[in-house]
Amino acid sequence: MNHLLLFGNLGIGEIVIIAFLILLLFGGKKIPELMKGIGKGVKSFKDGVNGIEEELNSDNASVSDNQKKIDKK
């Protein structure tokens, strides 16, 4: 494969040029801070998604319990 699926049809050359432009714009000292911020954002997003999944699972469990009580009557 000549391209990365994550970046669509961008080749290695285009990715290197983009990385170089980012390095020029932000500088070497700002890039780690930028990546740290992005990492915190991704972690926060994942935590939110997991929280929603847990809430849905607990709601489904309570619906199942209520259905069992109804079936017993």
N, C-alpha and C. Protein backbone atom coordinates (compact mmCIF):
# COMPACT_ATOMS: atom_id res chain seq x y z
N MET A 1 0.83 -1.18 0.00
CA MET A 1 0.00 0.00 0.00
C MET A 1 0.87 1.24 0.00
N ASN A 2 0.58 2.16 -0.87
CA ASN A 2 1.37 3.37 -0.97
C ASN A 2 0.86 4.51 -0.13
N HIS A 3 -0.26 4.34 0.53
CA HIS A 3 -0.80 5.42 1.35
C HIS A 3 -1.34 4.86 2.66
N LEU A 4 -1.43 5.72 3.64
CA LEU A 4 -1.98 5.34 4.93
C LEU A 4 -3.50 5.52 4.89
N LEU A 5 -4.23 4.57 5.42
CA LEU A 5 -5.68 4.66 5.40
C LEU A 5 -6.19 5.79 6.28
N LEU A 6 -5.45 6.09 7.33
CA LEU A 6 -5.85 7.15 8.26
C LEU A 6 -5.90 8.50 7.58
N PHE A 7 -5.01 8.75 6.66
CA PHE A 7 -4.90 10.05 6.01
C PHE A 7 -5.47 10.06 4.60
N GLY A 8 -6.26 9.07 4.25
CA GLY A 8 -6.87 9.04 2.92
C GLY A 8 -5.84 8.79 1.85
N ASN A 9 -5.74 9.69 0.89
CA ASN A 9 -4.83 9.52 -0.24
C ASN A 9 -3.53 10.27 -0.06
N LEU A 10 -3.19 10.71 1.14
CA LEU A 10 -1.92 11.40 1.36
C LEU A 10 -0.79 10.39 1.36
N GLY A 11 0.26 10.73 0.68
CA GLY A 11 1.44 9.88 0.67
C GLY A 11 2.42 10.30 1.75
N ILE A 12 3.52 9.61 1.83
CA ILE A 12 4.54 9.90 2.84
C ILE A 12 5.12 11.29 2.62
N GLY A 13 5.33 11.67 1.39
CA GLY A 13 5.89 12.99 1.09
C GLY A 13 4.99 14.12 1.59
N GLU A 14 3.69 13.98 1.34
CA GLU A 14 2.76 15.02 1.80
C GLU A 14 2.72 15.10 3.32
N ILE A 15 2.77 13.95 3.97
CA ILE A 15 2.74 13.92 5.44
C ILE A 15 4.00 14.59 6.00
N VAL A 16 5.14 14.34 5.38
CA VAL A 16 6.40 14.96 5.83
C VAL A 16 6.33 16.48 5.65
N ILE A 17 5.79 16.93 4.54
CA ILE A 17 5.66 18.38 4.30
C ILE A 17 4.72 19.01 5.34
N ILE A 18 3.61 18.37 5.61
CA ILE A 18 2.67 18.89 6.62
C ILE A 18 3.34 18.93 7.99
N ALA A 19 4.06 17.89 8.37
CA ALA A 19 4.75 17.86 9.66
C ALA A 19 5.79 18.98 9.73
N PHE A 20 6.50 19.21 8.65
CA PHE A 20 7.50 20.28 8.62
C PHE A 20 6.84 21.65 8.77
N LEU A 21 5.71 21.86 8.11
CA LEU A 21 4.99 23.13 8.24
C LEU A 21 4.47 23.35 9.67
N ILE A 22 3.99 22.29 10.29
CA ILE A 22 3.54 22.39 11.68
C ILE A 22 4.71 22.74 12.58
N LEU A 23 5.86 22.12 12.34
CA LEU A 23 7.05 22.42 13.12
C LEU A 23 7.45 23.88 12.95
N LEU A 24 7.37 24.41 11.74
CA LEU A 24 7.70 25.81 11.50
C LEU A 24 6.70 26.76 12.18
N LEU A 25 5.42 26.41 12.12
CA LEU A 25 4.40 27.28 12.68
C LEU A 25 4.42 27.32 14.21
N PHE A 26 4.53 26.16 14.84
CA PHE A 26 4.42 26.09 16.28
C PHE A 26 5.75 26.07 17.00
N GLY A 27 6.79 25.64 16.36
CA GLY A 27 8.10 25.55 17.00
C GLY A 27 8.23 24.25 17.78
N GLY A 28 9.45 23.91 18.08
CA GLY A 28 9.73 22.64 18.76
C GLY A 28 9.24 22.58 20.19
N LYS A 29 9.13 23.72 20.86
CA LYS A 29 8.73 23.72 22.26
C LYS A 29 7.21 23.63 22.43
N LYS A 30 6.46 24.10 21.47
CA LYS A 30 5.00 24.10 21.58
C LYS A 30 4.36 22.78 21.17
N ILE A 31 5.03 22.01 20.35
CA ILE A 31 4.44 20.77 19.84
C ILE A 31 4.15 19.77 20.97
N PRO A 32 5.07 19.54 21.93
CA PRO A 32 4.71 18.61 23.02
C PRO A 32 3.50 19.08 23.83
N GLU A 33 3.40 20.40 24.04
CA GLU A 33 2.24 20.93 24.76
C GLU A 33 0.97 20.70 23.96
N LEU A 34 1.05 20.88 22.66
CA LEU A 34 -0.09 20.67 21.79
C LEU A 34 -0.52 19.20 21.81
N MET A 35 0.44 18.30 21.72
CA MET A 35 0.13 16.87 21.75
C MET A 35 -0.45 16.45 23.10
N LYS A 36 0.06 17.04 24.18
CA LYS A 36 -0.46 16.74 25.51
C LYS A 36 -1.93 17.16 25.61
N GLY A 37 -2.24 18.33 25.08
CA GLY A 37 -3.62 18.80 25.08
C GLY A 37 -4.54 17.91 24.26
N ILE A 38 -4.05 17.47 23.11
CA ILE A 38 -4.84 16.57 22.27
C ILE A 38 -5.05 15.24 22.99
N GLY A 39 -4.02 14.73 23.65
CA GLY A 39 -4.14 13.48 24.40
C GLY A 39 -5.16 13.58 25.52
N LYS A 40 -5.14 14.70 26.24
CA LYS A 40 -6.13 14.90 27.31
C LYS A 40 -7.54 14.97 26.74
N GLY A 41 -7.68 15.61 25.60
CA GLY A 41 -8.99 15.69 24.96
C GLY A 41 -9.52 14.33 24.53
N VAL A 42 -8.65 13.52 23.96
CA VAL A 42 -9.04 12.18 23.53
C VAL A 42 -9.41 11.32 24.74
N LYS A 43 -8.63 11.43 25.82
CA LYS A 43 -8.91 10.66 27.04
C LYS A 43 -10.25 11.08 27.62
N SER A 44 -10.51 12.38 27.65
CA SER A 44 -11.78 12.88 28.16
C SER A 44 -12.94 12.38 27.30
N PHE A 45 -12.77 12.37 26.01
CA PHE A 45 -13.80 11.87 25.10
C PHE A 45 -14.08 10.39 25.36
N LYS A 46 -13.01 9.60 25.50
CA LYS A 46 -13.18 8.16 25.76
C LYS A 46 -13.88 7.92 27.09
N ASP A 47 -13.51 8.70 28.12
CA ASP A 47 -14.16 8.57 29.42
C ASP A 47 -15.64 8.89 29.31
N GLY A 48 -15.98 9.91 28.55
CA GLY A 48 -17.38 10.26 28.34
C GLY A 48 -18.15 9.17 27.63
N VAL A 49 -17.55 8.59 26.60
CA VAL A 49 -18.20 7.51 25.86
C VAL A 49 -18.40 6.30 26.78
N ASN A 50 -17.37 5.97 27.58
CA ASN A 50 -17.50 4.84 28.49
C ASN A 50 -18.58 5.10 29.54
N GLY A 51 -18.68 6.33 30.01
CA GLY A 51 -19.72 6.68 30.97
C GLY A 51 -21.11 6.50 30.39
N ILE A 52 -21.28 6.91 29.15
CA ILE A 52 -22.58 6.75 28.48
C ILE A 52 -22.90 5.27 28.30
N GLU A 53 -21.90 4.47 27.92
CA GLU A 53 -22.11 3.03 27.74
C GLU A 53 -22.51 2.39 29.06
N GLU A 54 -21.84 2.76 30.16
CA GLU A 54 -22.18 2.20 31.47
C GLU A 54 -23.59 2.59 31.87
N GLU A 55 -23.98 3.83 31.59
CA GLU A 55 -25.32 4.28 31.92
C GLU A 55 -26.36 3.51 31.13
N LEU A 56 -26.11 3.30 29.84
CA LEU A 56 -27.04 2.53 29.02
C LEU A 56 -27.14 1.09 29.50
N ASN A 57 -26.00 0.50 29.87
CA ASN A 57 -26.01 -0.88 30.36
C ASN A 57 -26.78 -0.99 31.67
N SER A 58 -26.62 -0.01 32.57
CA SER A 58 -27.35 -0.06 33.84
C SER A 58 -28.84 0.16 33.60
N ASP A 59 -29.19 1.02 32.64
CA ASP A 59 -30.60 1.21 32.30
C ASP A 59 -31.20 -0.07 31.72
N ASN A 60 -30.45 -0.75 30.86
CA ASN A 60 -30.92 -2.01 30.30
C ASN A 60 -31.10 -3.06 31.37
N ALA A 61 -30.20 -3.09 32.36
CA ALA A 61 -30.30 -4.05 33.44
C ALA A 61 -31.54 -3.77 34.29
N SER A 62 -31.82 -2.52 34.56
CA SER A 62 -33.00 -2.19 35.36
C SER A 62 -34.28 -2.49 34.59
N VAL A 63 -34.28 -2.29 33.28
CA VAL A 63 -35.45 -2.64 32.46
C VAL A 63 -35.66 -4.15 32.49
N SER A 64 -34.57 -4.91 32.41
CA SER A 64 -34.67 -6.37 32.46
C SER A 64 -35.22 -6.83 33.81
N ASP A 65 -34.75 -6.21 34.89
CA ASP A 65 -35.25 -6.56 36.22
C ASP A 65 -36.73 -6.24 36.34
N ASN A 66 -37.14 -5.09 35.84
CA ASN A 66 -38.56 -4.73 35.87
C ASN A 66 -39.40 -5.67 35.04
N GLN A 67 -38.87 -6.10 33.89
CA GLN A 67 -39.59 -7.03 33.03
C GLN A 67 -39.76 -8.37 33.73
N LYS A 68 -38.73 -8.83 34.45
CA LYS A 68 -38.81 -10.09 35.19
C LYS A 68 -39.87 -10.00 36.27
N LYS A 69 -39.95 -8.85 36.96
CA LYS A 69 -40.97 -8.69 38.00
C LYS A 69 -42.36 -8.71 37.41
N ILE A 70 -42.53 -8.11 36.24
CA ILE A 70 -43.83 -8.09 35.57
C ILE A 70 -44.21 -9.50 35.14
N ASP A 71 -43.23 -10.25 34.61
CA ASP A 71 -43.49 -11.61 34.14
C ASP A 71 -43.90 -12.54 35.28
N LYS A 72 -43.37 -12.31 36.47
CA LYS A 72 -43.69 -13.15 37.63
C LYS A 72 -45.13 -12.95 38.08
N LYS A 73 -45.67 -11.76 37.84
CA LYS A 73 -47.06 -11.47 38.26
C LYS A 73 -48.00 -12.12 37.33
